[in-house]
């Protein structure tokens, strides 16, 4: 991930750090790490929609803050599936309403 923790904790000096060509957002907390990993793995919609009652307003605020700090490509990776999941849910609701 580029945070440098493994570099600092390696007792044998087997790890070296090289600067990246592009800036990378390093997670500050475990929560940030989980959100960023979900985005990278395409599981962000699952994090948001599987059990929305688990997410407080503070958690949602931190998620939005992470998205704002993310590089544009990573933010698009997160938002595109959300848009699809949201639209699919809306269309499913419309279809159920129309069928009844």
N, C-alpha and C. Protein backbone atom coordinates (compact mmCIF):
# COMPACT_ATOMS: atom_id res chain seq x y z
N UNK A 1 0.82 -1.20 0.00
CA UNK A 1 0.00 0.00 0.00
C UNK A 1 0.86 1.26 0.00
N UNK A 2 2.08 1.12 0.38
CA UNK A 2 2.97 2.27 0.37
C UNK A 2 2.99 3.07 1.64
N UNK A 3 2.47 2.51 2.74
CA UNK A 3 2.42 3.27 3.99
C UNK A 3 3.75 3.25 4.74
N UNK A 4 4.62 2.28 4.45
CA UNK A 4 5.94 2.22 5.07
C UNK A 4 6.00 1.45 6.36
N UNK A 5 4.90 0.87 6.82
CA UNK A 5 4.90 0.13 8.07
C UNK A 5 5.82 -1.08 7.99
N UNK A 6 5.74 -1.83 6.89
CA UNK A 6 6.58 -3.02 6.75
C UNK A 6 8.06 -2.63 6.68
N UNK A 7 8.35 -1.51 6.06
CA UNK A 7 9.73 -1.03 5.94
C UNK A 7 10.30 -0.72 7.33
N UNK A 8 9.51 -0.05 8.14
CA UNK A 8 9.97 0.33 9.47
C UNK A 8 10.08 -0.86 10.41
N UNK A 9 9.27 -1.87 10.21
CA UNK A 9 9.28 -3.00 11.15
C UNK A 9 10.19 -4.14 10.71
N UNK A 10 10.78 -4.08 9.51
CA UNK A 10 11.65 -5.14 9.03
C UNK A 10 12.99 -5.09 9.77
N UNK A 11 13.31 -6.14 10.51
CA UNK A 11 14.52 -6.19 11.32
C UNK A 11 15.76 -6.47 10.48
N UNK A 12 15.57 -6.99 9.27
CA UNK A 12 16.70 -7.42 8.46
C UNK A 12 17.06 -6.45 7.34
N UNK A 13 16.29 -5.39 7.17
CA UNK A 13 16.56 -4.42 6.12
C UNK A 13 16.33 -4.97 4.72
N UNK A 14 15.44 -5.95 4.61
CA UNK A 14 15.19 -6.61 3.33
C UNK A 14 14.22 -5.82 2.45
N UNK A 15 13.58 -4.82 3.00
CA UNK A 15 12.58 -4.06 2.25
C UNK A 15 13.13 -2.66 1.96
N UNK A 16 12.94 -2.20 0.75
CA UNK A 16 13.33 -0.83 0.40
C UNK A 16 12.10 -0.08 -0.09
N UNK A 17 12.14 1.21 0.10
CA UNK A 17 11.03 2.06 -0.34
C UNK A 17 11.49 2.86 -1.56
N UNK A 18 10.64 2.89 -2.58
CA UNK A 18 10.92 3.68 -3.78
C UNK A 18 9.75 4.64 -3.98
N UNK A 19 10.03 5.86 -4.37
CA UNK A 19 8.92 6.80 -4.61
C UNK A 19 8.07 6.36 -5.81
N UNK A 20 6.78 6.57 -5.70
CA UNK A 20 5.86 6.23 -6.79
C UNK A 20 5.75 7.40 -7.76
N UNK A 21 5.43 7.07 -8.97
CA UNK A 21 5.25 8.11 -9.99
C UNK A 21 4.00 8.93 -9.70
N UNK A 22 2.97 8.28 -9.13
CA UNK A 22 1.71 8.96 -8.85
C UNK A 22 1.46 8.93 -7.35
N UNK A 23 0.92 10.02 -6.81
CA UNK A 23 0.61 10.11 -5.39
C UNK A 23 -0.45 9.06 -5.02
N UNK A 24 -0.25 8.40 -3.88
CA UNK A 24 -1.17 7.38 -3.42
C UNK A 24 -1.70 7.80 -2.05
N UNK A 25 -3.01 7.66 -1.87
CA UNK A 25 -3.63 7.99 -0.59
C UNK A 25 -3.36 6.85 0.38
N UNK A 26 -2.61 7.13 1.45
CA UNK A 26 -2.29 6.12 2.46
C UNK A 26 -3.36 6.20 3.55
N UNK A 27 -3.98 5.07 3.88
CA UNK A 27 -5.03 5.09 4.90
C UNK A 27 -4.48 5.46 6.28
N UNK A 28 -5.23 6.28 7.01
CA UNK A 28 -4.81 6.69 8.34
C UNK A 28 -5.33 5.75 9.42
N UNK A 29 -6.47 5.11 9.17
CA UNK A 29 -7.08 4.22 10.16
C UNK A 29 -7.48 2.91 9.49
N UNK A 30 -7.87 1.95 10.30
CA UNK A 30 -8.35 0.66 9.76
C UNK A 30 -9.61 0.86 8.94
N UNK A 31 -10.47 1.78 9.37
CA UNK A 31 -11.70 2.07 8.63
C UNK A 31 -11.36 2.57 7.23
N UNK A 32 -10.41 3.52 7.16
CA UNK A 32 -9.99 4.05 5.86
C UNK A 32 -9.43 2.93 4.99
N UNK A 33 -8.65 2.05 5.59
CA UNK A 33 -8.05 0.93 4.86
C UNK A 33 -9.13 0.03 4.27
N UNK A 34 -10.16 -0.27 5.05
CA UNK A 34 -11.24 -1.15 4.60
C UNK A 34 -11.99 -0.50 3.43
N UNK A 35 -12.27 0.79 3.54
CA UNK A 35 -12.99 1.48 2.46
C UNK A 35 -12.17 1.50 1.19
N UNK A 36 -10.88 1.85 1.30
CA UNK A 36 -10.02 1.91 0.11
C UNK A 36 -9.84 0.53 -0.52
N UNK A 37 -9.73 -0.52 0.30
CA UNK A 37 -9.62 -1.88 -0.24
C UNK A 37 -10.91 -2.27 -0.95
N UNK A 38 -12.05 -1.89 -0.40
CA UNK A 38 -13.33 -2.20 -1.04
C UNK A 38 -13.44 -1.51 -2.39
N UNK A 39 -12.96 -0.28 -2.48
CA UNK A 39 -12.98 0.43 -3.76
C UNK A 39 -12.09 -0.28 -4.77
N UNK A 40 -10.86 -0.61 -4.35
CA UNK A 40 -9.90 -1.25 -5.26
C UNK A 40 -10.40 -2.60 -5.76
N UNK A 41 -11.11 -3.33 -4.91
CA UNK A 41 -11.56 -4.68 -5.25
C UNK A 41 -12.95 -4.71 -5.88
N UNK A 42 -13.55 -3.54 -6.07
CA UNK A 42 -14.88 -3.50 -6.68
C UNK A 42 -15.99 -3.95 -5.74
N UNK A 43 -15.77 -3.86 -4.44
CA UNK A 43 -16.75 -4.29 -3.44
C UNK A 43 -17.35 -3.12 -2.65
N UNK A 44 -17.18 -1.92 -3.17
CA UNK A 44 -17.62 -0.74 -2.44
C UNK A 44 -19.14 -0.72 -2.27
N UNK A 45 -19.87 -1.11 -3.30
CA UNK A 45 -21.34 -1.12 -3.18
C UNK A 45 -21.79 -2.13 -2.13
N UNK A 46 -21.07 -3.25 -2.02
CA UNK A 46 -21.41 -4.22 -0.98
C UNK A 46 -21.23 -3.61 0.41
N UNK A 47 -20.15 -2.84 0.57
CA UNK A 47 -19.88 -2.19 1.85
C UNK A 47 -21.00 -1.23 2.22
N UNK A 48 -21.52 -0.52 1.23
CA UNK A 48 -22.56 0.46 1.50
C UNK A 48 -23.96 -0.13 1.63
N UNK A 49 -24.29 -1.11 0.77
CA UNK A 49 -25.68 -1.54 0.66
C UNK A 49 -26.01 -2.88 1.31
N UNK A 50 -25.03 -3.69 1.69
CA UNK A 50 -25.35 -4.99 2.28
C UNK A 50 -26.06 -4.86 3.62
N UNK A 51 -25.60 -3.94 4.47
CA UNK A 51 -26.25 -3.71 5.75
C UNK A 51 -26.13 -2.23 6.10
N UNK A 52 -26.97 -1.39 5.48
CA UNK A 52 -26.82 0.05 5.67
C UNK A 52 -27.03 0.50 7.12
N UNK A 53 -27.71 -0.30 7.93
CA UNK A 53 -27.93 0.10 9.32
C UNK A 53 -26.63 0.10 10.12
N UNK A 54 -25.59 -0.57 9.62
CA UNK A 54 -24.30 -0.58 10.31
C UNK A 54 -23.56 0.74 10.17
N UNK A 55 -23.89 1.52 9.15
CA UNK A 55 -23.16 2.74 8.86
C UNK A 55 -23.85 3.95 9.49
N UNK A 56 -23.15 4.61 10.37
CA UNK A 56 -23.70 5.82 10.98
C UNK A 56 -23.45 7.01 10.06
N UNK A 57 -23.99 8.15 10.43
CA UNK A 57 -23.75 9.36 9.64
C UNK A 57 -22.27 9.73 9.65
N UNK A 58 -21.58 9.42 10.75
CA UNK A 58 -20.14 9.70 10.82
C UNK A 58 -19.36 8.81 9.86
N UNK A 59 -19.74 7.54 9.79
CA UNK A 59 -19.07 6.62 8.87
C UNK A 59 -19.28 7.05 7.42
N UNK A 60 -20.50 7.43 7.10
CA UNK A 60 -20.77 7.90 5.73
C UNK A 60 -19.99 9.18 5.42
N UNK A 61 -19.86 10.05 6.41
CA UNK A 61 -19.06 11.27 6.22
C UNK A 61 -17.60 10.96 5.97
N UNK A 62 -17.06 9.97 6.67
CA UNK A 62 -15.66 9.58 6.45
C UNK A 62 -15.48 8.94 5.08
N UNK A 63 -16.47 8.19 4.64
CA UNK A 63 -16.40 7.57 3.31
C UNK A 63 -16.38 8.66 2.24
N UNK A 64 -17.26 9.64 2.38
CA UNK A 64 -17.29 10.74 1.41
C UNK A 64 -15.96 11.51 1.45
N UNK A 65 -15.41 11.72 2.63
CA UNK A 65 -14.13 12.41 2.76
C UNK A 65 -13.02 11.64 2.04
N UNK A 66 -13.01 10.33 2.18
CA UNK A 66 -12.02 9.51 1.48
C UNK A 66 -12.18 9.62 -0.03
N UNK A 67 -13.42 9.61 -0.49
CA UNK A 67 -13.66 9.74 -1.93
C UNK A 67 -13.19 11.10 -2.45
N UNK A 68 -13.39 12.14 -1.66
CA UNK A 68 -12.96 13.47 -2.07
C UNK A 68 -11.43 13.56 -2.16
N UNK A 69 -10.72 12.86 -1.29
CA UNK A 69 -9.26 12.89 -1.28
C UNK A 69 -8.65 11.94 -2.31
N UNK A 70 -9.44 11.01 -2.80
CA UNK A 70 -8.93 9.99 -3.72
C UNK A 70 -8.60 10.60 -5.08
N UNK A 71 -7.66 9.97 -5.78
CA UNK A 71 -7.42 10.40 -7.16
C UNK A 71 -8.70 10.20 -7.98
N UNK A 72 -8.91 11.01 -9.02
CA UNK A 72 -10.15 10.93 -9.80
C UNK A 72 -10.46 9.53 -10.33
N UNK A 73 -9.46 8.81 -10.76
CA UNK A 73 -9.71 7.47 -11.30
C UNK A 73 -10.28 6.56 -10.22
N UNK A 74 -9.73 6.63 -9.02
CA UNK A 74 -10.22 5.79 -7.93
C UNK A 74 -11.63 6.19 -7.52
N UNK A 75 -11.91 7.48 -7.51
CA UNK A 75 -13.26 7.94 -7.16
C UNK A 75 -14.28 7.44 -8.18
N UNK A 76 -13.92 7.46 -9.45
CA UNK A 76 -14.81 6.95 -10.50
C UNK A 76 -15.04 5.46 -10.31
N UNK A 77 -13.98 4.72 -9.94
CA UNK A 77 -14.11 3.29 -9.69
C UNK A 77 -15.13 3.02 -8.59
N UNK A 78 -15.23 3.91 -7.63
CA UNK A 78 -16.17 3.73 -6.52
C UNK A 78 -17.58 4.16 -6.90
N UNK A 79 -17.71 5.27 -7.61
CA UNK A 79 -19.02 5.85 -7.88
C UNK A 79 -19.77 5.11 -8.98
N UNK A 80 -19.08 4.62 -9.99
CA UNK A 80 -19.75 3.96 -11.12
C UNK A 80 -20.61 2.77 -10.67
N UNK A 81 -20.08 1.83 -9.85
CA UNK A 81 -20.94 0.73 -9.40
C UNK A 81 -22.08 1.17 -8.49
N UNK A 82 -21.85 2.23 -7.70
CA UNK A 82 -22.93 2.73 -6.83
C UNK A 82 -24.07 3.22 -7.68
N UNK A 83 -23.74 3.97 -8.71
CA UNK A 83 -24.78 4.48 -9.60
C UNK A 83 -25.56 3.33 -10.21
N UNK A 84 -24.86 2.29 -10.65
CA UNK A 84 -25.52 1.13 -11.25
C UNK A 84 -26.40 0.42 -10.24
N UNK A 85 -25.90 0.20 -9.02
CA UNK A 85 -26.67 -0.49 -7.99
C UNK A 85 -27.90 0.33 -7.61
N UNK A 86 -27.73 1.64 -7.50
CA UNK A 86 -28.85 2.51 -7.14
C UNK A 86 -29.91 2.49 -8.22
N UNK A 87 -29.49 2.63 -9.47
CA UNK A 87 -30.46 2.62 -10.57
C UNK A 87 -31.16 1.27 -10.68
N UNK A 88 -30.43 0.19 -10.49
CA UNK A 88 -31.04 -1.14 -10.53
C UNK A 88 -32.10 -1.28 -9.43
N UNK A 89 -31.80 -0.78 -8.24
CA UNK A 89 -32.77 -0.84 -7.14
C UNK A 89 -34.00 -0.01 -7.45
N UNK A 90 -33.78 1.16 -8.01
CA UNK A 90 -34.92 2.03 -8.36
C UNK A 90 -35.78 1.37 -9.43
N UNK A 91 -35.14 0.82 -10.45
CA UNK A 91 -35.90 0.17 -11.52
C UNK A 91 -36.67 -1.04 -11.01
N UNK A 92 -36.05 -1.80 -10.10
CA UNK A 92 -36.73 -2.95 -9.51
C UNK A 92 -37.96 -2.50 -8.73
N UNK A 93 -37.81 -1.39 -7.98
CA UNK A 93 -38.93 -0.85 -7.22
C UNK A 93 -40.04 -0.35 -8.11
N UNK A 94 -39.68 0.27 -9.22
CA UNK A 94 -40.68 0.75 -10.18
C UNK A 94 -41.42 -0.42 -10.79
N UNK A 95 -40.70 -1.48 -11.13
CA UNK A 95 -41.33 -2.65 -11.74
C UNK A 95 -42.31 -3.30 -10.77
N UNK A 96 -41.90 -3.43 -9.48
CA UNK A 96 -42.80 -4.01 -8.48
C UNK A 96 -44.05 -3.15 -8.34
N UNK A 97 -43.87 -1.82 -8.33
CA UNK A 97 -44.99 -0.91 -8.19
C UNK A 97 -45.92 -1.02 -9.39
N UNK A 98 -45.35 -1.14 -10.57
CA UNK A 98 -46.15 -1.22 -11.79
C UNK A 98 -46.91 -2.55 -11.87
N UNK A 99 -46.30 -3.63 -11.34
CA UNK A 99 -46.94 -4.94 -11.38
C UNK A 99 -48.09 -5.06 -10.38
N UNK A 100 -48.08 -4.22 -9.35
CA UNK A 100 -49.14 -4.36 -8.31
C UNK A 100 -50.34 -3.51 -8.60
